[in-house]
Every structure is written in structure tokens, then in C-alpha cells.
């Protein structure tokens, strides 16, 4: 379970680092940053919802 969360964090960090490794246009930079933020938000949301369900059950 934690492996999936760590993988999602690494993917979202990659979206941020990717913009600096390659020469991207302004639109591509924003797309990559937004995808990184969405991935991070969903992975944190998933982690929180899973921890609450385990505490109840």
C-alpha cells in the first residue's frame, strides 16, 4: 500500500523535474506542473481515505 503512495509521489516529482531537464515551451511547462499537482493531490487524498477506512474497520 505504501509502495503505491511512494510511486505516486515520485511520479508527481518527475513532472516537476521534467520541465527543467528538457527545454519545454511555456504551455508544456504549465501542463507538466499542473499534472504534477493533480497527481500529488490525488495520491494524498487516496492516502488519507485509506488511513481512515483502516482505522474504522
N, C-alpha and C. Protein backbone atom coordinates (compact mmCIF):
# COMPACT_ATOMS: atom_id res chain seq x y z
N UNK A 1 0.82 -1.19 0.00
CA UNK A 1 0.00 0.00 0.00
C UNK A 1 0.86 1.26 0.00
N UNK A 2 1.86 1.28 0.87
CA UNK A 2 2.73 2.46 0.91
C UNK A 2 3.56 2.58 -0.36
N UNK A 3 3.82 1.47 -1.00
CA UNK A 3 4.59 1.49 -2.23
C UNK A 3 3.88 2.29 -3.31
N UNK A 4 2.56 2.14 -3.39
CA UNK A 4 1.79 2.87 -4.39
C UNK A 4 1.84 4.37 -4.11
N UNK A 5 1.76 4.76 -2.84
CA UNK A 5 1.81 6.18 -2.49
C UNK A 5 3.18 6.76 -2.83
N UNK A 6 4.23 6.03 -2.51
CA UNK A 6 5.58 6.49 -2.82
C UNK A 6 5.76 6.61 -4.33
N UNK A 7 5.23 5.66 -5.07
CA UNK A 7 5.31 5.72 -6.53
C UNK A 7 4.59 6.97 -7.07
N UNK A 8 3.42 7.27 -6.54
CA UNK A 8 2.69 8.46 -6.97
C UNK A 8 3.44 9.74 -6.66
N UNK A 9 4.09 9.78 -5.51
CA UNK A 9 4.89 10.96 -5.17
C UNK A 9 6.07 11.10 -6.13
N UNK A 10 6.72 10.00 -6.43
CA UNK A 10 7.84 10.05 -7.37
C UNK A 10 7.40 10.50 -8.76
N UNK A 11 6.23 10.05 -9.19
CA UNK A 11 5.71 10.46 -10.50
C UNK A 11 5.40 11.94 -10.50
N UNK A 12 4.80 12.44 -9.43
CA UNK A 12 4.48 13.87 -9.39
C UNK A 12 5.75 14.72 -9.33
N UNK A 13 6.75 14.26 -8.61
CA UNK A 13 8.03 14.98 -8.58
C UNK A 13 8.68 14.94 -9.97
N UNK A 14 8.55 13.82 -10.68
CA UNK A 14 9.09 13.73 -12.03
C UNK A 14 8.46 14.77 -12.96
N UNK A 15 7.16 15.00 -12.81
CA UNK A 15 6.50 16.01 -13.63
C UNK A 15 7.14 17.39 -13.42
N UNK A 16 7.55 17.69 -12.19
CA UNK A 16 8.20 18.97 -11.92
C UNK A 16 9.62 19.00 -12.47
N UNK A 17 10.39 17.94 -12.23
CA UNK A 17 11.79 17.89 -12.67
C UNK A 17 11.88 17.84 -14.19
N UNK A 18 10.93 17.16 -14.82
CA UNK A 18 10.90 17.02 -16.27
C UNK A 18 10.95 18.38 -16.97
N UNK A 19 10.29 19.38 -16.40
CA UNK A 19 10.24 20.71 -17.02
C UNK A 19 11.62 21.36 -17.07
N UNK A 20 12.49 21.03 -16.12
CA UNK A 20 13.81 21.64 -16.09
C UNK A 20 14.85 20.85 -16.88
N UNK A 21 14.61 19.55 -17.06
CA UNK A 21 15.56 18.72 -17.81
C UNK A 21 15.48 19.01 -19.30
N UNK A 22 14.25 19.12 -19.81
CA UNK A 22 14.05 19.34 -21.23
C UNK A 22 13.62 20.78 -21.48
N UNK A 23 13.97 21.29 -22.63
CA UNK A 23 13.55 22.64 -22.99
C UNK A 23 12.10 22.57 -23.46
N UNK A 24 11.20 22.98 -22.62
CA UNK A 24 9.79 22.94 -22.95
C UNK A 24 9.27 24.35 -23.18
N UNK A 25 8.22 24.45 -23.98
CA UNK A 25 7.60 25.74 -24.18
C UNK A 25 6.78 26.09 -22.94
N UNK A 26 6.32 27.31 -22.88
CA UNK A 26 5.60 27.79 -21.71
C UNK A 26 4.35 26.96 -21.45
N UNK A 27 3.61 26.62 -22.49
CA UNK A 27 2.41 25.81 -22.31
C UNK A 27 2.71 24.42 -21.81
N UNK A 28 3.80 23.83 -22.30
CA UNK A 28 4.18 22.49 -21.85
C UNK A 28 4.64 22.49 -20.40
N UNK A 29 5.30 23.57 -20.00
CA UNK A 29 5.74 23.68 -18.61
C UNK A 29 4.53 23.69 -17.68
N UNK A 30 3.55 24.52 -18.01
CA UNK A 30 2.35 24.61 -17.17
C UNK A 30 1.58 23.30 -17.16
N UNK A 31 1.51 22.62 -18.29
CA UNK A 31 0.83 21.32 -18.33
C UNK A 31 1.52 20.32 -17.41
N UNK A 32 2.83 20.30 -17.45
CA UNK A 32 3.57 19.37 -16.62
C UNK A 32 3.42 19.71 -15.14
N UNK A 33 3.47 20.98 -14.80
CA UNK A 33 3.30 21.40 -13.40
C UNK A 33 1.90 21.06 -12.91
N UNK A 34 0.90 21.32 -13.71
CA UNK A 34 -0.48 21.03 -13.32
C UNK A 34 -0.69 19.52 -13.14
N UNK A 35 -0.14 18.71 -14.06
CA UNK A 35 -0.24 17.26 -13.92
C UNK A 35 0.46 16.77 -12.64
N UNK A 36 1.59 17.37 -12.32
CA UNK A 36 2.29 17.02 -11.09
C UNK A 36 1.47 17.35 -9.86
N UNK A 37 0.84 18.51 -9.86
CA UNK A 37 0.00 18.89 -8.73
C UNK A 37 -1.22 17.98 -8.59
N UNK A 38 -1.86 17.67 -9.71
CA UNK A 38 -3.03 16.79 -9.67
C UNK A 38 -2.64 15.41 -9.16
N UNK A 39 -1.51 14.89 -9.62
CA UNK A 39 -1.05 13.58 -9.16
C UNK A 39 -0.77 13.60 -7.67
N UNK A 40 -0.12 14.66 -7.19
CA UNK A 40 0.19 14.77 -5.76
C UNK A 40 -1.09 14.88 -4.93
N UNK A 41 -2.04 15.69 -5.37
CA UNK A 41 -3.29 15.87 -4.63
C UNK A 41 -4.05 14.56 -4.54
N UNK A 42 -4.18 13.86 -5.67
CA UNK A 42 -4.91 12.60 -5.66
C UNK A 42 -4.21 11.53 -4.82
N UNK A 43 -2.89 11.49 -4.85
CA UNK A 43 -2.20 10.49 -4.05
C UNK A 43 -2.34 10.79 -2.56
N UNK A 44 -2.30 12.06 -2.17
CA UNK A 44 -2.50 12.41 -0.77
C UNK A 44 -3.95 12.15 -0.34
N UNK A 45 -4.88 12.43 -1.22
CA UNK A 45 -6.29 12.19 -0.94
C UNK A 45 -6.54 10.68 -0.76
N UNK A 46 -5.93 9.88 -1.62
CA UNK A 46 -6.07 8.44 -1.53
C UNK A 46 -5.44 7.91 -0.25
N UNK A 47 -4.30 8.43 0.13
CA UNK A 47 -3.63 8.01 1.36
C UNK A 47 -4.50 8.33 2.57
N UNK A 48 -5.09 9.52 2.59
CA UNK A 48 -5.94 9.92 3.71
C UNK A 48 -7.20 9.06 3.79
N UNK A 49 -7.83 8.79 2.66
CA UNK A 49 -9.05 7.99 2.68
C UNK A 49 -8.76 6.54 3.08
N UNK A 50 -7.61 6.02 2.69
CA UNK A 50 -7.26 4.65 3.07
C UNK A 50 -6.93 4.54 4.55
N UNK A 51 -6.30 5.56 5.12
CA UNK A 51 -5.97 5.51 6.54
C UNK A 51 -7.22 5.61 7.39
N UNK A 52 -8.22 6.37 6.96
CA UNK A 52 -9.47 6.47 7.71
C UNK A 52 -10.25 5.16 7.65
N UNK A 53 -10.27 4.51 6.49
CA UNK A 53 -11.02 3.26 6.38
C UNK A 53 -10.38 2.15 7.21
N UNK A 54 -9.08 2.13 7.34
CA UNK A 54 -8.41 1.12 8.15
C UNK A 54 -8.64 1.38 9.63
N UNK A 55 -8.72 2.64 10.03
CA UNK A 55 -8.93 2.96 11.44
C UNK A 55 -10.33 2.54 11.90
N UNK A 56 -11.32 2.65 11.02
CA UNK A 56 -12.69 2.28 11.36
C UNK A 56 -12.86 0.77 11.39
N UNK A 57 -12.31 0.10 10.37
CA UNK A 57 -12.51 -1.35 10.23
C UNK A 57 -11.51 -2.10 10.99
